[in-house]
PDB file of N, CA and C in Angstrom:
ATOM      1  N   PRO A   1     129.773  15.222 173.587  1.00  0.00           N
ATOM      2  CA  PRO A   1     128.509  14.518 173.641  1.00  0.00           C
ATOM      3  C   PRO A   1     128.522  13.466 174.739  1.00  0.00           C
ATOM      4  N   SER A   2     127.359  13.240 175.315  1.00  0.00           N
ATOM      5  CA  SER A   2     127.287  12.242 176.376  1.00  0.00           C
ATOM      6  C   SER A   2     127.325  10.854 175.765  1.00  0.00           C
ATOM      7  N   GLN A   3     127.940   9.937 176.490  1.00  0.00           N
ATOM      8  CA  GLN A   3     128.030   8.567 176.023  1.00  0.00           C
ATOM      9  C   GLN A   3     127.162   7.687 176.881  1.00  0.00           C
ATOM     10  N   ARG A   4     126.570   6.711 176.236  1.00  0.00           N
ATOM     11  CA  ARG A   4     125.721   5.772 176.943  1.00  0.00           C
ATOM     12  C   ARG A   4     126.575   4.624 177.450  1.00  0.00           C
ATOM     13  N   THR A   5     126.377   4.258 178.696  1.00  0.00           N
ATOM     14  CA  THR A   5     127.132   3.153 179.260  1.00  0.00           C
ATOM     15  C   THR A   5     126.174   2.041 179.628  1.00  0.00           C
ATOM     16  N   GLY A   6     126.713   0.882 179.821  1.00  0.00           N
ATOM     17  CA  GLY A   6     125.881  -0.259 180.204  1.00  0.00           C
ATOM     18  C   GLY A   6     125.504  -1.072 178.977  1.00  0.00           C
ATOM     19  N   SER A   7     124.980  -2.235 179.207  1.00  0.00           N
ATOM     20  CA  SER A   7     124.611  -3.098 178.095  1.00  0.00           C
ATOM     21  C   SER A   7     123.114  -3.050 177.865  1.00  0.00           C
ATOM     22  N   PRO A   8     122.666  -3.346 176.637  1.00  0.00           N
ATOM     23  CA  PRO A   8     121.238  -3.333 176.351  1.00  0.00           C
ATOM     24  C   PRO A   8     120.492  -4.298 177.274  1.00  0.00           C
ATOM     25  N   GLY A   9     119.303  -3.897 177.647  1.00  0.00           N
ATOM     26  CA  GLY A   9     118.477  -4.770 178.483  1.00  0.00           C
ATOM     27  C   GLY A   9     118.701  -4.584 179.971  1.00  0.00           C
ATOM     28  N   LYS A  10     119.720  -3.836 180.351  1.00  0.00           N
ATOM     29  CA  LYS A  10     119.974  -3.592 181.773  1.00  0.00           C
ATOM     30  C   LYS A  10     119.391  -2.245 182.162  1.00  0.00           C
ATOM     31  N   MET A  11     118.989  -2.133 183.401  1.00  0.00           N
ATOM     32  CA  MET A  11     118.408  -0.898 183.893  1.00  0.00           C
ATOM     33  C   MET A  11     119.496   0.161 184.001  1.00  0.00           C
ATOM     34  N   ALA A  12     119.220   1.340 183.465  1.00  0.00           N
ATOM     35  CA  ALA A  12     120.191   2.425 183.496  1.00  0.00           C
ATOM     36  C   ALA A  12     120.371   2.928 184.920  1.00  0.00           C
ATOM     37  N   THR A  13     121.554   3.455 185.196  1.00  0.00           N
ATOM     38  CA  THR A  13     121.840   4.005 186.511  1.00  0.00           C
ATOM     39  C   THR A  13     120.883   5.166 186.784  1.00  0.00           C
ATOM     40  N   GLY A  14     120.394   5.242 188.004  1.00  0.00           N
ATOM     41  CA  GLY A  14     119.495   6.321 188.357  1.00  0.00           C
ATOM     42  C   GLY A  14     118.028   5.920 188.341  1.00  0.00           C
ATOM     43  N   HIS A  15     117.689   4.777 187.751  1.00  0.00           N
ATOM     44  CA  HIS A  15     116.310   4.307 187.772  1.00  0.00           C
ATOM     45  C   HIS A  15     116.076   3.549 189.064  1.00  0.00           C
ATOM     46  N   MET A  16     114.997   3.853 189.715  1.00  0.00           N
ATOM     47  CA  MET A  16     114.679   3.182 190.964  1.00  0.00           C
ATOM     48  C   MET A  16     113.874   1.922 190.665  1.00  0.00           C
ATOM     49  N   LYS A  17     114.254   0.834 191.251  1.00  0.00           N
ATOM     50  CA  LYS A  17     113.515  -0.408 191.109  1.00  0.00           C
ATOM     51  C   LYS A  17     112.840  -0.714 192.432  1.00  0.00           C
ATOM     52  N   LEU A  18     111.519  -0.973 192.356  1.00  0.00           N
ATOM     53  CA  LEU A  18     110.800  -1.314 193.573  1.00  0.00           C
ATOM     54  C   LEU A  18     111.266  -2.671 194.073  1.00  0.00           C
ATOM     55  N   ARG A  19     111.436  -2.787 195.353  1.00  0.00           N
ATOM     56  CA  ARG A  19     111.895  -4.024 195.950  1.00  0.00           C
ATOM     57  C   ARG A  19     110.916  -5.155 195.660  1.00  0.00           C
ATOM     58  N   GLY A  20     111.427  -6.254 195.140  1.00  0.00           N
ATOM     59  CA  GLY A  20     110.611  -7.438 194.924  1.00  0.00           C
ATOM     60  C   GLY A  20     109.759  -7.396 193.671  1.00  0.00           C
ATOM     61  N   THR A  21     109.980  -6.428 192.779  1.00  0.00           N
ATOM     62  CA  THR A  21     109.192  -6.370 191.552  1.00  0.00           C
ATOM     63  C   THR A  21     110.104  -6.306 190.342  1.00  0.00           C
ATOM     64  N   SER A  22     109.596  -6.775 189.233  1.00  0.00           N
ATOM     65  CA  SER A  22     110.361  -6.712 187.996  1.00  0.00           C
ATOM     66  C   SER A  22     110.215  -5.315 187.397  1.00  0.00           C
ATOM     67  N   PRO A  23     111.101  -4.933 186.464  1.00  0.00           N
ATOM     68  CA  PRO A  23     110.971  -3.621 185.825  1.00  0.00           C
ATOM     69  C   PRO A  23     109.614  -3.448 185.141  1.00  0.00           C
ATOM     70  N   ALA A  24     109.075  -4.506 184.543  1.00  0.00           N
ATOM     71  CA  ALA A  24     107.780  -4.415 183.865  1.00  0.00           C
ATOM     72  C   ALA A  24     106.661  -4.119 184.861  1.00  0.00           C
ATOM     73  N   VAL A  25     106.696  -4.786 186.014  1.00  0.00           N
ATOM     74  CA  VAL A  25     105.684  -4.547 187.041  1.00  0.00           C
ATOM     75  C   VAL A  25     105.825  -3.132 187.579  1.00  0.00           C
ATOM     76  N   SER A  26     107.058  -2.680 187.804  1.00  0.00           N
ATOM     77  CA  SER A  26     107.293  -1.330 188.299  1.00  0.00           C
ATOM     78  C   SER A  26     106.762  -0.297 187.315  1.00  0.00           C
ATOM     79  N   ARG A  27     107.010  -0.489 186.032  1.00  0.00           N
ATOM     80  CA  ARG A  27     106.562   0.449 185.002  1.00  0.00           C
ATOM     81  C   ARG A  27     105.039   0.460 184.918  1.00  0.00           C
ATOM     82  N   ARG A  28     104.425  -0.725 185.010  1.00  0.00           N
ATOM     83  CA  ARG A  28     102.963  -0.815 184.970  1.00  0.00           C
ATOM     84  C   ARG A  28     102.365  -0.064 186.151  1.00  0.00           C
ATOM     85  N   GLN A  29     102.925  -0.266 187.338  1.00  0.00           N
ATOM     86  CA  GLN A  29     102.434   0.422 188.532  1.00  0.00           C
ATOM     87  C   GLN A  29     102.601   1.924 188.383  1.00  0.00           C
ATOM     88  N   GLU A  30     103.730   2.342 187.846  1.00  0.00           N
ATOM     89  CA  GLU A  30     103.995   3.759 187.635  1.00  0.00           C
ATOM     90  C   GLU A  30     102.946   4.366 186.692  1.00  0.00           C
ATOM     91  N   LEU A  31     102.627   3.661 185.605  1.00  0.00           N
ATOM     92  CA  LEU A  31     101.635   4.146 184.653  1.00  0.00           C
ATOM     93  C   LEU A  31     100.243   4.199 185.276  1.00  0.00           C
ATOM     94  N   LEU A  32      99.875   3.152 186.027  1.00  0.00           N
ATOM     95  CA  LEU A  32      98.566   3.139 186.677  1.00  0.00           C
ATOM     96  C   LEU A  32      98.432   4.300 187.650  1.00  0.00           C
ATOM     97  N   GLU A  33      99.484   4.551 188.433  1.00  0.00           N
ATOM     98  CA  GLU A  33      99.443   5.659 189.384  1.00  0.00           C
ATOM     99  C   GLU A  33      99.327   6.989 188.655  1.00  0.00           C
ATOM    100  N   TYR A  34     100.015   7.118 187.517  1.00  0.00           N
ATOM    101  CA  TYR A  34      99.969   8.361 186.735  1.00  0.00           C
ATOM    102  C   TYR A  34      98.562   8.599 186.194  1.00  0.00           C
ATOM    103  N   TYR A  35      97.986   7.594 185.548  1.00  0.00           N
ATOM    104  CA  TYR A  35      96.676   7.770 184.931  1.00  0.00           C
ATOM    105  C   TYR A  35      95.540   7.801 185.956  1.00  0.00           C
ATOM    106  N   ASP A  36      95.715   7.163 187.097  1.00  0.00           N
ATOM    107  CA  ASP A  36      94.678   7.142 188.119  1.00  0.00           C
ATOM    108  C   ASP A  36      94.798   8.306 189.092  1.00  0.00           C
ATOM    109  N   SER A  37      95.865   9.075 188.976  1.00  0.00           N
ATOM    110  CA  SER A  37      96.081  10.200 189.870  1.00  0.00           C
ATOM    111  C   SER A  37      94.938  11.205 189.762  1.00  0.00           C
ATOM    112  N   PRO A  38      94.485  11.749 190.899  1.00  0.00           N
ATOM    113  CA  PRO A  38      93.423  12.763 190.848  1.00  0.00           C
ATOM    114  C   PRO A  38      93.821  13.985 190.033  1.00  0.00           C
ATOM    115  N   ASN A  39      95.128  14.222 189.904  1.00  0.00           N
ATOM    116  CA  ASN A  39      95.610  15.381 189.162  1.00  0.00           C
ATOM    117  C   ASN A  39      95.866  15.079 187.695  1.00  0.00           C
ATOM    118  N   SER A  40      95.686  13.833 187.281  1.00  0.00           N
ATOM    119  CA  SER A  40      95.949  13.459 185.899  1.00  0.00           C
ATOM    120  C   SER A  40      94.886  14.028 184.974  1.00  0.00           C
ATOM    121  N   THR A  41      95.330  14.558 183.847  1.00  0.00           N
ATOM    122  CA  THR A  41      94.390  15.054 182.845  1.00  0.00           C
ATOM    123  C   THR A  41      94.257  14.066 181.699  1.00  0.00           C
ATOM    124  N   LYS A  42      94.944  12.944 181.795  1.00  0.00           N
ATOM    125  CA  LYS A  42      94.912  11.968 180.711  1.00  0.00           C
ATOM    126  C   LYS A  42      93.558  11.271 180.622  1.00  0.00           C
ATOM    127  N   GLY A  43      92.958  10.955 181.766  1.00  0.00           N
ATOM    128  CA  GLY A  43      91.619  10.410 181.791  1.00  0.00           C
ATOM    129  C   GLY A  43      91.426   9.066 181.116  1.00  0.00           C
ATOM    130  N   LEU A  44      92.461   8.267 180.993  1.00  0.00           N
ATOM    131  CA  LEU A  44      92.279   6.959 180.374  1.00  0.00           C
ATOM    132  C   LEU A  44      91.402   6.078 181.248  1.00  0.00           C
ATOM    133  N   TYR A  45      91.649   6.096 182.514  1.00  0.00           N
ATOM    134  CA  TYR A  45      90.889   5.268 183.434  1.00  0.00           C
ATOM    135  C   TYR A  45      90.472   6.095 184.641  1.00  0.00           C
ATOM    136  N   THR A  46      89.301   5.807 185.137  1.00  0.00           N
ATOM    137  CA  THR A  46      88.848   6.373 186.398  1.00  0.00           C
ATOM    138  C   THR A  46      88.719   5.216 187.362  1.00  0.00           C
ATOM    139  N   THR A  47      89.439   5.274 188.466  1.00  0.00           N
ATOM    140  CA  THR A  47      89.382   4.205 189.453  1.00  0.00           C
ATOM    141  C   THR A  47      88.204   4.450 190.379  1.00  0.00           C
ATOM    142  N   MET A  48      87.470   3.382 190.664  1.00  0.00           N
ATOM    143  CA  MET A  48      86.300   3.495 191.492  1.00  0.00           C
ATOM    144  C   MET A  48      85.989   2.173 192.157  1.00  0.00           C
ATOM    145  N   ARG A  49      85.087   2.188 193.071  1.00  0.00           N
ATOM    146  CA  ARG A  49      84.555   0.977 193.695  1.00  0.00           C
ATOM    147  C   ARG A  49      83.060   1.206 193.823  1.00  0.00           C
ATOM    148  N   GLU A  50      82.315   0.737 192.830  1.00  0.00           N
ATOM    149  CA  GLU A  50      80.873   0.955 192.826  1.00  0.00           C
ATOM    150  C   GLU A  50      80.134  -0.316 192.450  1.00  0.00           C
ATOM    151  N   SER A  51      78.916  -0.412 192.943  1.00  0.00           N
ATOM    152  CA  SER A  51      78.039  -1.519 192.581  1.00  0.00           C
ATOM    153  C   SER A  51      77.102  -1.063 191.468  1.00  0.00           C
ATOM    154  N   TYR A  52      76.951  -1.912 190.478  1.00  0.00           N
ATOM    155  CA  TYR A  52      76.038  -1.677 189.360  1.00  0.00           C
ATOM    156  C   TYR A  52      75.145  -2.899 189.232  1.00  0.00           C
ATOM    157  N   GLN A  53      74.034  -2.729 188.518  1.00  0.00           N
ATOM    158  CA  GLN A  53      73.144  -3.848 188.250  1.00  0.00           C
ATOM    159  C   GLN A  53      72.845  -3.887 186.761  1.00  0.00           C
ATOM    160  N   VAL A  54      72.849  -5.104 186.207  1.00  0.00           N
ATOM    161  CA  VAL A  54      72.545  -5.294 184.792  1.00  0.00           C
ATOM    162  C   VAL A  54      71.049  -5.067 184.593  1.00  0.00           C
ATOM    163  N   VAL A  55      70.710  -4.128 183.681  1.00  0.00           N
ATOM    164  CA  VAL A  55      69.311  -3.834 183.376  1.00  0.00           C
ATOM    165  C   VAL A  55      68.969  -4.103 181.908  1.00  0.00           C
ATOM    166  N   GLY A  56      69.972  -4.354 181.087  1.00  0.00           N
ATOM    167  CA  GLY A  56      69.737  -4.609 179.667  1.00  0.00           C
ATOM    168  C   GLY A  56      68.884  -5.852 179.459  1.00  0.00           C
ATOM    169  N   LEU A  57      67.941  -5.760 178.526  1.00  0.00           N
ATOM    170  CA  LEU A  57      67.042  -6.888 178.254  1.00  0.00           C
ATOM    171  C   LEU A  57      67.798  -8.132 177.806  1.00  0.00           C
ATOM    172  N   GLN A  58      68.902  -7.931 177.096  1.00  0.00           N
ATOM    173  CA  GLN A  58      69.719  -9.050 176.620  1.00  0.00           C
ATOM    174  C   GLN A  58      70.850  -9.391 177.587  1.00  0.00           C
ATOM    175  N   GLY A  59      70.866  -8.773 178.759  1.00  0.00           N
ATOM    176  CA  GLY A  59      71.946  -8.983 179.712  1.00  0.00           C
ATOM    177  C   GLY A  59      73.127  -8.096 179.366  1.00  0.00           C
ATOM    178  N   ALA A  60      74.296  -8.453 179.877  1.00  0.00           N
ATOM    179  CA  ALA A  60      75.518  -7.683 179.633  1.00  0.00           C
ATOM    180  C   ALA A  60      76.628  -8.630 179.193  1.00  0.00           C
ATOM    181  N   ILE A  61      77.206  -8.349 178.039  1.00  0.00           N
ATOM    182  CA  ILE A  61      78.330  -9.148 177.547  1.00  0.00           C
ATOM    183  C   ILE A  61      79.596  -8.681 178.246  1.00  0.00           C
ATOM    184  N   VAL A  62      80.314  -9.626 178.840  1.00  0.00           N
ATOM    185  CA  VAL A  62      81.586  -9.333 179.500  1.00  0.00           C
ATOM    186  C   VAL A  62      82.689  -9.833 178.579  1.00  0.00           C
ATOM    187  N   ARG A  63      83.645  -8.963 178.299  1.00  0.00           N
ATOM    188  CA  ARG A  63      84.756  -9.305 177.406  1.00  0.00           C
ATOM    189  C   ARG A  63      86.078  -9.320 178.172  1.00  0.00           C
ATOM    190  N   LEU A  64      87.019 -10.071 177.616  1.00  0.00           N
ATOM    191  CA  LEU A  64      88.324 -10.239 178.244  1.00  0.00           C
ATOM    192  C   LEU A  64      89.079  -8.922 178.359  1.00  0.00           C
ATOM    193  N   GLN A  65      89.009  -8.109 177.306  1.00  0.00           N
ATOM    194  CA  GLN A  65      89.719  -6.826 177.289  1.00  0.00           C
ATOM    195  C   GLN A  65      88.739  -5.705 176.991  1.00  0.00           C
ATOM    196  N   GLN A  66      89.201  -4.481 177.089  1.00  0.00           N
ATOM    197  CA  GLN A  66      88.361  -3.312 176.866  1.00  0.00           C
ATOM    198  C   GLN A  66      87.839  -3.239 175.432  1.00  0.00           C
ATOM    199  N   ASP A  67      88.604  -3.696 174.483  1.00  0.00           N
ATOM    200  CA  ASP A  67      88.231  -3.660 173.074  1.00  0.00           C
ATOM    201  C   ASP A  67      86.944  -4.446 172.833  1.00  0.00           C
ATOM    202  N   LEU A  68      86.018  -3.854 172.089  1.00  0.00           N
ATOM    203  CA  LEU A  68      84.735  -4.508 171.810  1.00  0.00           C
ATOM    204  C   LEU A  68      84.877  -5.774 170.969  1.00  0.00           C
ATOM    205  N   ASN A  69      86.032  -5.955 170.333  1.00  0.00           N
ATOM    206  CA  ASN A  69      86.275  -7.155 169.532  1.00  0.00           C
ATOM    207  C   ASN A  69      87.037  -8.234 170.292  1.00  0.00           C
ATOM    208  N   SER A  70      87.347  -7.992 171.558  1.00  0.00           N
ATOM    209  CA  SER A  70      88.090  -8.993 172.334  1.00  0.00           C
ATOM    210  C   SER A  70      87.177 -10.181 172.647  1.00  0.00           C
ATOM    211  N   PRO A  71      87.760 -11.306 173.015  1.00  0.00           N
ATOM    212  CA  PRO A  71      86.957 -12.515 173.274  1.00  0.00           C
ATOM    213  C   PRO A  71      85.909 -12.304 174.372  1.00  0.00           C
ATOM    214  N   LYS A  72      84.756 -12.900 174.141  1.00  0.00           N
ATOM    215  CA  LYS A  72      83.649 -12.847 175.092  1.00  0.00           C
ATOM    216  C   LYS A  72      83.929 -13.813 176.240  1.00  0.00           C
ATOM    217  N   VAL A  73      83.781 -13.333 177.475  1.00  0.00           N
ATOM    218  CA  VAL A  73      83.979 -14.154 178.669  1.00  0.00           C
ATOM    219  C   VAL A  73      82.656 -14.790 179.085  1.00  0.00           C
ATOM    220  N   ALA A  74      81.596 -13.969 179.106  1.00  0.00           N
ATOM    221  CA  ALA A  74      80.280 -14.455 179.541  1.00  0.00           C
ATOM    222  C   ALA A  74      79.228 -13.405 179.210  1.00  0.00           C
ATOM    223  N   THR A  75      77.969 -13.806 179.334  1.00  0.00           N
ATOM    224  CA  THR A  75      76.853 -12.865 179.285  1.00  0.00           C
ATOM    225  C   THR A  75      76.156 -12.939 180.637  1.00  0.00           C
ATOM    226  N   LEU A  76      76.123 -11.812 181.333  1.00  0.00           N
ATOM    227  CA  LEU A  76      75.481 -11.765 182.640  1.00  0.00           C
ATOM    228  C   LEU A  76      73.997 -11.456 182.454  1.00  0.00           C
ATOM    229  N   PRO A  77      73.122 -12.221 183.084  1.00  0.00           N
ATOM    230  CA  PRO A  77      71.685 -11.990 182.916  1.00  0.00           C
ATOM    231  C   PRO A  77      71.205 -10.716 183.613  1.00  0.00           C
ATOM    232  N   GLN A  78      70.080 -10.210 183.130  1.00  0.00           N
ATOM    233  CA  GLN A  78      69.442  -9.042 183.732  1.00  0.00           C
ATOM    234  C   GLN A  78      69.238  -9.294 185.227  1.00  0.00           C
ATOM    235  N   GLY A  79      69.521  -8.290 186.044  1.00  0.00           N
ATOM    236  CA  GLY A  79      69.381  -8.403 187.484  1.00  0.00           C
ATOM    237  C   GLY A  79      70.674  -8.712 188.219  1.00  0.00           C
ATOM    238  N   THR A  80      71.718  -9.129 187.480  1.00  0.00           N
ATOM    239  CA  THR A  80      73.008  -9.449 188.104  1.00  0.00           C
ATOM    240  C   THR A  80      73.653  -8.188 188.656  1.00  0.00           C
ATOM    241  N   LYS A  81      74.167  -8.259 189.878  1.00  0.00           N
ATOM    242  CA  LYS A  81      74.911  -7.147 190.477  1.00  0.00           C
ATOM    243  C   LYS A  81      76.388  -7.363 190.201  1.00  0.00           C
ATOM    244  N   VAL A  82      77.086  -6.289 189.829  1.00  0.00           N
ATOM    245  CA  VAL A  82      78.511  -6.351 189.520  1.00  0.00           C
ATOM    246  C   VAL A  82      79.257  -5.296 190.325  1.00  0.00           C
ATOM    247  N   GLN A  83      80.519  -5.571 190.605  1.00  0.00           N
ATOM    248  CA  GLN A  83      81.397  -4.629 191.294  1.00  0.00           C
ATOM    249  C   GLN A  83      82.352  -4.024 190.274  1.00  0.00           C
ATOM    250  N   VAL A  84      82.249  -2.727 190.075  1.00  0.00           N
ATOM    251  CA  VAL A  84      83.054  -2.001 189.098  1.00  0.00           C
ATOM    252  C   VAL A  84      84.264  -1.397 189.794  1.00  0.00           C
ATOM    253  N   THR A  85      85.448  -1.592 189.189  1.00  0.00           N
ATOM    254  CA  THR A  85      86.655  -1.012 189.787  1.00  0.00           C
ATOM    255  C   THR A  85      87.279   0.086 188.944  1.00  0.00           C
ATOM    256  N   SER A  86      86.930   0.164 187.657  1.00  0.00           N
ATOM    257  CA  SER A  86      87.436   1.270 186.852  1.00  0.00           C
ATOM    258  C   SER A  86      86.544   1.497 185.645  1.00  0.00           C
ATOM    259  N   ARG A  87      86.690   2.704 185.087  1.00  0.00           N
ATOM    260  CA  ARG A  87      85.884   3.096 183.932  1.00  0.00           C
ATOM    261  C   ARG A  87      86.779   3.759 182.909  1.00  0.00           C
ATOM    262  N   SER A  88      86.516   3.474 181.641  1.00  0.00           N
ATOM    263  CA  SER A  88      87.204   4.126 180.535  1.00  0.00           C
ATOM    264  C   SER A  88      86.150   4.432 179.480  1.00  0.00           C
ATOM    265  N   GLY A  89      85.790   5.700 179.371  1.00  0.00           N
ATOM    266  CA  GLY A  89      84.720   6.076 178.445  1.00  0.00           C
ATOM    267  C   GLY A  89      83.415   5.418 178.849  1.00  0.00           C
ATOM    268  N   ARG A  90      82.821   4.649 177.928  1.00  0.00           N
ATOM    269  CA  ARG A  90      81.571   3.957 178.256  1.00  0.00           C
ATOM    270  C   ARG A  90      81.785   2.491 178.606  1.00  0.00           C
ATOM    271  N   ARG A  91      83.039   2.133 178.897  1.00  0.00           N
ATOM    272  CA  ARG A  91      83.376   0.760 179.262  1.00  0.00           C
ATOM    273  C   ARG A  91      83.718   0.692 180.751  1.00  0.00           C
ATOM    274  N   LEU A  92      83.265  -0.376 181.403  1.00  0.00           N
ATOM    275  CA  LEU A  92      83.515  -0.593 182.824  1.00  0.00           C
ATOM    276  C   LEU A  92      84.298  -1.878 183.017  1.00  0.00           C
ATOM    277  N   TYR A  93      85.272  -1.854 183.937  1.00  0.00           N
ATOM    278  CA  TYR A  93      85.994  -3.069 184.306  1.00  0.00           C
ATOM    279  C   TYR A  93      85.378  -3.586 185.594  1.00  0.00           C
ATOM    280  N   ILE A  94      84.925  -4.843 185.573  1.00  0.00           N
ATOM    281  CA  ILE A  94      84.293  -5.423 186.760  1.00  0.00           C
ATOM    282  C   ILE A  94      85.184  -6.499 187.370  1.00  0.00           C
ATOM    283  N   MET A  95      85.064  -6.647 188.692  1.00  0.00           N
ATOM    284  CA  MET A  95      85.839  -7.649 189.419  1.00  0.00           C
ATOM    285  C   MET A  95      84.949  -8.738 190.007  1.00  0.00           C
ATOM    286  N   SER A  96      83.639  -8.517 189.988  1.00  0.00           N
ATOM    287  CA  SER A  96      82.734  -9.492 190.570  1.00  0.00           C
ATOM    288  C   SER A  96      81.392  -9.380 189.858  1.00  0.00           C
ATOM    289  N   PRO A  97      80.729 -10.459 189.540  1.00  0.00           N
ATOM    290  CA  PRO A  97      80.985 -11.847 189.915  1.00  0.00           C
ATOM    291  C   PRO A  97      82.093 -12.508 189.093  1.00  0.00           C
ATOM    292  N   ILE A  98      82.496 -11.887 187.976  1.00  0.00           N
ATOM    293  CA  ILE A  98      83.636 -12.346 187.180  1.00  0.00           C
ATOM    294  C   ILE A  98      84.437 -11.107 186.811  1.00  0.00           C
ATOM    295  N   THR A  99      85.618 -11.302 186.243  1.00  0.00           N
ATOM    296  CA  THR A  99      86.413 -10.154 185.820  1.00  0.00           C
ATOM    297  C   THR A  99      86.311  -9.982 184.315  1.00  0.00           C
ATOM    298  N   GLY A 100      86.296  -8.726 183.909  1.00  0.00           N
ATOM    299  CA  GLY A 100      86.243  -8.411 182.487  1.00  0.00           C
ATOM    300  C   GLY A 100      85.662  -7.028 182.266  1.00  0.00           C
ATOM    301  N   TRP A 101      85.436  -6.712 181.003  1.00  0.00           N
ATOM    302  CA  TRP A 101      84.937  -5.400 180.588  1.00  0.00           C
ATOM    303  C   TRP A 101      83.523  -5.516 180.047  1.00  0.00           C
ATOM    304  N   LEU A 102      82.672  -4.551 180.388  1.00  0.00           N
ATOM    305  CA  LEU A 102      81.336  -4.480 179.814  1.00  0.00           C
ATOM    306  C   LEU A 102      80.998  -3.031 179.509  1.00  0.00           C
ATOM    307  N   SER A 103      79.941  -2.826 178.728  1.00  0.00           N
ATOM    308  CA  SER A 103      79.527  -1.482 178.328  1.00  0.00           C
ATOM    309  C   SER A 103      78.443  -0.945 179.242  1.00  0.00           C
ATOM    310  N   LEU A 104      78.448   0.369 179.440  1.00  0.00           N
ATOM    311  CA  LEU A 104      77.405   1.049 180.197  1.00  0.00           C
ATOM    312  C   LEU A 104      76.083   1.052 179.433  1.00  0.00           C
ATOM    313  N   GLU A 105      76.179   1.197 178.114  1.00  0.00           N
ATOM    314  CA  GLU A 105      74.982   1.297 177.288  1.00  0.00           C
ATOM    315  C   GLU A 105      75.199   0.588 175.964  1.00  0.00           C
ATOM    316  N   ASP A 106      74.084   0.277 175.299  1.00  0.00           N
ATOM    317  CA  ASP A 106      74.197  -0.381 173.991  1.00  0.00           C
ATOM    318  C   ASP A 106      74.389   0.687 172.905  1.00  0.00           C
ATOM    319  N   PRO A 107      74.592   0.277 171.647  1.00  0.00           N
ATOM    320  CA  PRO A 107      74.841   1.263 170.579  1.00  0.00           C
ATOM    321  C   PRO A 107      73.716   2.282 170.380  1.00  0.00           C
ATOM    322  N   THR A 108      72.493   1.962 170.804  1.00  0.00           N
ATOM    323  CA  THR A 108      71.374   2.906 170.662  1.00  0.00           C
ATOM    324  C   THR A 108      71.292   3.882 171.831  1.00  0.00           C
ATOM    325  N   GLY A 109      72.128   3.673 172.863  1.00  0.00           N
ATOM    326  CA  GLY A 109      72.120   4.535 174.043  1.00  0.00           C
ATOM    327  C   GLY A 109      71.290   3.989 175.194  1.00  0.00           C
ATOM    328  N   ALA A 110      70.662   2.834 175.002  1.00  0.00           N
ATOM    329  CA  ALA A 110      69.885   2.212 176.083  1.00  0.00           C
ATOM    330  C   ALA A 110      70.833   1.675 177.147  1.00  0.00           C
ATOM    331  N   PRO A 111      70.534   1.889 178.431  1.00  0.00           N
ATOM    332  CA  PRO A 111      71.433   1.417 179.487  1.00  0.00           C
ATOM    333  C   PRO A 111      71.526  -0.109 179.533  1.00  0.00           C
ATOM    334  N   ILE A 112      72.751  -0.593 179.768  1.00  0.00           N
ATOM    335  CA  ILE A 112      72.988  -2.025 179.977  1.00  0.00           C
ATOM    336  C   ILE A 112      73.134  -2.285 181.478  1.00  0.00           C
ATOM    337  N   VAL A 113      73.822  -1.355 182.153  1.00  0.00           N
ATOM    338  CA  VAL A 113      73.980  -1.426 183.616  1.00  0.00           C
ATOM    339  C   VAL A 113      73.692  -0.044 184.194  1.00  0.00           C
ATOM    340  N   VAL A 114      73.243  -0.021 185.446  1.00  0.00           N
ATOM    341  CA  VAL A 114      73.009   1.239 186.156  1.00  0.00           C
ATOM    342  C   VAL A 114      73.675   1.170 187.520  1.00  0.00           C
ATOM    343  N   SER A 115      74.119   2.320 187.987  1.00  0.00           N
ATOM    344  CA  SER A 115      74.770   2.401 189.296  1.00  0.00           C
ATOM    345  C   SER A 115      73.739   2.219 190.397  1.00  0.00           C
ATOM    346  N   LEU A 116      74.132   1.505 191.447  1.00  0.00           N
ATOM    347  CA  LEU A 116      73.273   1.318 192.623  1.00  0.00           C
ATOM    348  C   LEU A 116      73.613   2.334 193.702  1.00  0.00           C
ATOM    349  N   GLN A 117      74.590   3.202 193.471  1.00  0.00           N
ATOM    350  CA  GLN A 117      74.979   4.213 194.456  1.00  0.00           C
ATOM    351  C   GLN A 117      74.075   5.425 194.351  1.00  0.00           C
TER     352      GLN A 117
END
């Protein structure tokens, strides 16, 4: 049987570490590249760079995380333009004018934001 060498918490031989990054950052980058790959079938995130505009009558609630129960960051008023960098299902991650997650549509299916492309 093969024996494991090295001490816990140390990187095993054969793992490549990116120069100037911690193992956690390297692993995160590896996962992002995997899920964002054009050949990925996982579909967790779609990377994009698109402009959207808030059209919801109540504006758009921006949350800290993708989860609908995560803390509210702000409510963007109707007419606000946002820059979307990724999508997961009906949730969009925006980078401008603030960062956070918002929904494409409300629970009834009414649009909250629409693409300007």
